[in-house]
Amino acid sequence: MQVVGYESGEGLYVASGGAVEFVDASPGAELAYGLGDRRCAGTVHDGEHVACEAPEAPYCDAHGSVWVCARCTGTCLKDEMDCHEEHALYLAAFAPDVLKVGVTRLWRLETRLREQGADRAAHVRTFPDGRVARRVEAELAGGEDLVDRVRVPTKLAGFGREVDESAWEALLERFDPTERFDFDYGLDLDGRPVAETLASGTVRGWKGRVLVLDRGGSTYAVDARELVGYELTEEVPGRELQSSLGAFGE
């Protein structure tokens, strides 16, 4: 049984013999899997899994893909531009003080912000298409205080911490937000959990693609993408994991 995908906030997709099943990993669910070998997760086509034996994980060159629009700065990289719908320009804050500018289709703005695990966010502009929005995003991301991407390790460093409200409010003063968001993922963390790759424990919740698990008196943060490609076993490892007490420091 191999992990072939995930749904943030909900669970994991696993495949065995071509069949794809969903493993619930919503808050309160119990996971009890060990991790075996890891290889390319292959692909899912028409609901069936096509396995791949390549050792690269989570995907080999044949099965990996990069969303070309994520690299767009206003000059379309496709053969034909197809983003002819309203796009939102947003600002997002990740605790404690990482500030991001981004673009998404207007109708999925809140979904996109939750997918990223943003703590605060604001919708600041609406554009008629993606090309114009990406141009403005690229201009703003060239400044000193805004980035256009935040990697998971940076996000993990802010778990259990508060957003620097003064920095966030100072940023918003430069804009005129049409809508503001304040997200609560229900994790109730007293400090930063340990970053680990495991699939056993009680699900505390999710923040973006990070799955938070309680196990053995400690709390662990698992990047769900790092689970993709692993074989799941029924033998939960008994090895000692790093205690979360050491993770609460700076």
Protein backbone atom coordinates (compact mmCIF):
# COMPACT_ATOMS: atom_id res chain seq x y z
CA MET A 1 0.00 0.00 0.00
CA GLN A 2 1.64 3.21 -1.20
CA VAL A 3 0.81 6.84 -0.44
CA VAL A 4 0.02 8.45 -3.79
CA GLY A 5 -1.49 11.76 -2.71
CA TYR A 6 -3.17 13.75 0.02
CA GLU A 7 -6.06 16.12 0.63
CA SER A 8 -5.13 18.93 3.00
CA GLY A 9 -7.31 18.84 6.09
CA GLU A 10 -8.83 15.49 5.22
CA GLY A 11 -6.52 12.55 4.58
CA LEU A 12 -4.23 10.49 2.39
CA TYR A 13 -4.75 8.66 -0.89
CA VAL A 14 -3.20 5.20 -0.90
CA ALA A 15 -2.95 2.66 -3.70
CA SER A 16 -2.66 -1.09 -3.77
CA GLY A 17 -2.87 -3.27 -6.86
CA GLY A 18 -4.10 -0.35 -8.94
CA ALA A 19 -7.00 0.51 -6.63
CA VAL A 20 -6.98 3.88 -4.86
CA GLU A 21 -8.48 4.30 -1.40
CA PHE A 22 -8.83 7.23 0.96
CA VAL A 23 -7.41 7.09 4.50
CA ASP A 24 -9.17 9.49 6.84
CA ALA A 25 -6.80 11.88 8.61
CA SER A 26 -9.28 14.44 9.86
CA PRO A 27 -8.94 15.77 13.44
CA GLY A 28 -9.31 12.98 15.98
CA ALA A 29 -8.51 10.16 13.55
CA GLU A 30 -5.98 7.52 14.58
CA LEU A 31 -3.19 6.61 12.16
CA ALA A 32 -1.19 3.46 12.82
CA TYR A 33 1.21 2.90 9.94
CA GLY A 34 4.92 2.40 9.61
CA LEU A 35 6.87 3.67 6.63
CA GLY A 36 8.63 1.25 4.29
CA ASP A 37 10.52 1.94 1.09
CA ARG A 38 9.93 5.13 -0.84
CA ARG A 39 9.83 5.49 -4.62
CA CYS A 40 7.98 7.39 -7.34
CA ALA A 41 4.25 7.58 -6.61
CA GLY A 42 3.41 7.04 -10.29
CA THR A 43 0.14 8.52 -11.46
CA VAL A 44 -3.60 8.15 -10.97
CA HIS A 45 -5.57 7.95 -14.22
CA ASP A 46 -9.35 7.55 -14.38
CA GLY A 47 -9.38 6.58 -10.72
CA GLU A 48 -6.76 3.84 -11.06
CA HIS A 49 -3.16 3.95 -9.92
CA VAL A 50 -0.40 3.32 -12.44
CA ALA A 51 2.66 2.31 -10.43
CA CYS A 52 6.24 3.35 -11.17
CA GLU A 53 9.37 1.62 -9.89
CA ALA A 54 11.70 4.61 -10.35
CA PRO A 55 13.62 5.36 -7.13
CA GLU A 56 13.07 9.13 -7.32
CA ALA A 57 10.43 10.39 -4.88
CA PRO A 58 7.86 11.68 -4.63
CA TYR A 59 7.91 11.62 -8.45
CA CYS A 60 10.41 10.76 -11.14
CA ASP A 61 10.98 12.98 -14.19
CA ALA A 62 8.31 11.11 -16.14
CA HIS A 63 5.62 11.67 -13.53
CA GLY A 64 6.62 14.96 -11.95
CA SER A 65 4.92 18.12 -13.09
CA VAL A 66 5.31 21.82 -12.43
CA TRP A 67 2.33 24.15 -12.68
CA VAL A 68 3.60 26.59 -15.26
CA CYS A 69 1.35 29.41 -14.02
CA ALA A 70 3.19 29.40 -10.69
CA ARG A 71 6.29 30.67 -12.53
CA CYS A 72 4.44 33.36 -14.47
CA THR A 73 5.46 36.98 -13.96
CA GLY A 74 3.08 38.45 -16.52
CA THR A 75 4.48 36.96 -19.71
CA CYS A 76 2.45 33.83 -20.46
CA LEU A 77 4.55 30.66 -20.58
CA LYS A 78 1.86 28.59 -22.29
CA ASP A 79 1.25 28.22 -26.00
CA GLU A 80 -2.01 30.07 -25.48
CA MET A 81 -3.05 32.17 -22.50
CA ASP A 82 -6.08 30.66 -20.75
CA CYS A 83 -6.45 32.65 -17.51
CA HIS A 84 -9.32 34.79 -18.79
CA GLU A 85 -11.17 35.12 -15.49
CA GLU A 86 -10.96 37.40 -12.48
CA HIS A 87 -7.89 36.94 -10.31
CA ALA A 88 -7.29 38.17 -6.77
CA LEU A 89 -4.07 39.73 -5.55
CA TYR A 90 -3.64 38.91 -1.88
CA LEU A 91 -1.28 39.46 1.01
CA ALA A 92 -0.66 36.73 3.58
CA ALA A 93 1.13 36.59 6.91
CA PHE A 94 2.84 33.51 8.33
CA ALA A 95 3.87 33.64 11.99
CA PRO A 96 5.84 35.28 13.24
CA ASP A 97 6.86 37.80 10.55
CA VAL A 98 6.89 36.34 7.03
CA LEU A 99 4.80 38.41 4.62
CA LYS A 100 3.79 37.10 1.21
CA VAL A 101 2.11 38.45 -1.90
CA GLY A 102 0.26 36.07 -4.18
CA VAL A 103 -2.30 35.62 -6.93
CA THR A 104 -5.12 33.14 -7.34
CA ARG A 105 -8.40 32.86 -9.19
CA LEU A 106 -10.92 35.01 -7.36
CA TRP A 107 -13.45 32.25 -6.72
CA ARG A 108 -10.95 30.08 -4.84
CA LEU A 109 -9.21 32.79 -2.81
CA GLU A 110 -10.06 31.52 0.68
CA THR A 111 -9.38 27.92 -0.33
CA ARG A 112 -5.95 28.87 -1.64
CA LEU A 113 -5.08 30.74 1.54
CA ARG A 114 -6.03 27.75 3.69
CA GLU A 115 -4.05 25.42 1.42
CA GLN A 116 -0.98 27.49 2.21
CA GLY A 117 -1.64 27.61 5.94
CA ALA A 118 -1.73 31.40 6.12
CA ASP A 119 -2.38 32.91 9.56
CA ARG A 120 -3.64 36.29 8.30
CA ALA A 121 -4.56 37.41 4.81
CA ALA A 122 -6.11 40.27 2.89
CA HIS A 123 -7.63 40.56 -0.57
CA VAL A 124 -6.22 43.81 -1.93
CA ARG A 125 -6.94 43.94 -5.68
CA THR A 126 -9.02 42.21 -8.33
CA PHE A 127 -7.83 41.95 -11.92
CA PRO A 128 -9.68 40.87 -15.08
CA ASP A 129 -7.17 38.12 -15.89
CA GLY A 130 -4.16 36.31 -14.49
CA ARG A 131 -1.53 37.97 -16.67
CA VAL A 132 -2.12 41.46 -15.31
CA ALA A 133 -2.31 40.13 -11.75
CA ARG A 134 1.00 38.26 -12.11
CA ARG A 135 2.74 41.39 -13.35
CA VAL A 136 1.70 43.34 -10.27
CA GLU A 137 2.63 40.40 -8.02
CA ALA A 138 6.14 40.27 -9.54
CA GLU A 139 6.61 44.00 -8.98
CA LEU A 140 5.56 43.81 -5.33
CA ALA A 141 7.64 40.70 -4.64
CA GLY A 142 10.74 42.60 -5.66
CA GLY A 143 10.55 44.72 -2.51
CA GLU A 144 12.34 44.16 0.78
CA ASP A 145 9.42 43.01 2.91
CA LEU A 146 7.37 40.76 0.59
CA VAL A 147 8.12 37.32 -0.84
CA ASP A 148 6.12 35.37 -3.40
CA ARG A 149 6.67 31.94 -1.87
CA VAL A 150 7.11 30.50 1.59
CA ARG A 151 8.60 27.05 1.97
CA VAL A 152 7.33 24.51 4.49
CA PRO A 153 10.35 24.67 6.87
CA THR A 154 9.79 28.43 7.19
CA LYS A 155 6.12 27.87 7.93
CA LEU A 156 6.95 25.20 10.52
CA ALA A 157 9.21 27.63 12.35
CA GLY A 158 6.12 29.74 13.05
CA PHE A 159 3.88 26.98 14.41
CA GLY A 160 2.74 27.82 17.94
CA ARG A 161 3.76 31.47 17.55
CA GLU A 162 1.79 34.66 16.98
CA VAL A 163 1.87 36.93 13.95
CA ASP A 164 3.76 40.20 14.37
CA GLU A 165 0.64 42.36 14.26
CA SER A 166 2.53 45.64 13.98
CA ALA A 167 4.36 44.47 10.86
CA TRP A 168 1.12 43.09 9.38
CA GLU A 169 -0.87 46.23 10.03
CA ALA A 170 1.95 48.41 8.68
CA LEU A 171 1.85 46.40 5.45
CA LEU A 172 -1.92 46.75 5.11
CA GLU A 173 -1.70 50.52 5.55
CA ARG A 174 -0.04 50.64 2.12
CA PHE A 175 -3.11 49.04 0.55
CA ASP A 176 -6.88 49.29 0.81
CA PRO A 177 -8.02 45.70 1.47
CA THR A 178 -11.46 44.72 0.26
CA GLU A 179 -11.56 41.74 2.64
CA ARG A 180 -9.47 40.47 5.52
CA PHE A 181 -9.03 36.94 6.86
CA ASP A 182 -7.93 35.63 10.25
CA PHE A 183 -7.51 31.86 10.18
CA ASP A 184 -7.67 29.47 13.11
CA TYR A 185 -6.75 25.87 12.31
CA GLY A 186 -7.78 24.55 15.71
CA LEU A 187 -4.34 23.16 16.57
CA ASP A 188 -4.12 24.75 20.04
CA LEU A 189 -0.33 24.51 20.10
CA ASP A 190 1.70 25.59 23.12
CA GLY A 191 4.88 25.67 21.07
CA ARG A 192 6.50 24.45 17.90
CA PRO A 193 6.00 20.72 17.16
CA VAL A 194 8.82 18.50 15.99
CA ALA A 195 9.23 18.17 12.23
CA GLU A 196 9.09 14.43 11.47
CA THR A 197 8.01 12.13 8.66
CA LEU A 198 5.69 9.54 10.19
CA ALA A 199 2.18 8.16 9.75
CA SER A 200 1.23 7.10 13.26
CA GLY A 201 -0.50 8.99 16.01
CA THR A 202 -3.68 10.91 16.75
CA VAL A 203 -4.48 13.64 14.26
CA ARG A 204 -4.59 17.03 15.97
CA GLY A 205 -5.32 18.81 12.70
CA TRP A 206 -3.81 20.34 9.58
CA LYS A 207 -2.33 23.66 8.68
CA GLY A 208 -1.97 23.84 4.93
CA ARG A 209 -0.32 20.64 3.81
CA VAL A 210 1.22 20.04 7.23
CA LEU A 211 -0.39 17.22 9.21
CA VAL A 212 -0.06 17.61 12.99
CA LEU A 213 0.02 14.38 15.01
CA ASP A 214 0.13 13.64 18.75
CA ARG A 215 2.13 10.57 19.70
CA GLY A 216 3.68 9.41 22.94
CA GLY A 217 3.16 12.70 24.71
CA SER A 218 4.76 14.78 21.97
CA THR A 219 3.43 16.66 18.96
CA TYR A 220 4.80 16.23 15.46
CA ALA A 221 4.42 18.20 12.23
CA VAL A 222 4.45 16.13 9.04
CA ASP A 223 4.76 17.63 5.57
CA ALA A 224 2.19 15.49 3.74
CA ARG A 225 4.14 15.79 0.50
CA GLU A 226 7.03 14.02 2.24
CA LEU A 227 4.74 11.01 2.80
CA VAL A 228 3.95 10.65 -0.90
CA GLY A 229 5.75 7.68 -2.40
CA TYR A 230 6.18 5.74 0.84
CA GLU A 231 4.91 2.20 1.27
CA LEU A 232 2.74 1.96 4.39
CA THR A 233 3.20 -0.99 6.69
CA GLU A 234 1.11 -2.29 9.57
CA GLU A 235 4.14 -2.40 11.82
CA VAL A 236 4.39 0.90 13.66
CA PRO A 237 8.05 1.60 14.42
CA GLY A 238 8.99 1.52 18.07
CA ARG A 239 12.05 3.75 17.71
CA GLU A 240 12.28 6.78 19.93
CA LEU A 241 11.30 10.01 18.26
CA GLN A 242 12.65 13.42 19.17
CA SER A 243 10.73 14.90 22.07
CA SER A 244 8.70 17.98 21.27
CA LEU A 245 9.97 19.69 24.41
CA GLY A 246 13.18 20.53 22.59
CA ALA A 247 11.26 22.04 19.72
CA PHE A 248 9.69 24.82 21.71
CA GLY A 249 12.82 26.92 21.77
CA GLU A 250 13.82 29.43 19.20
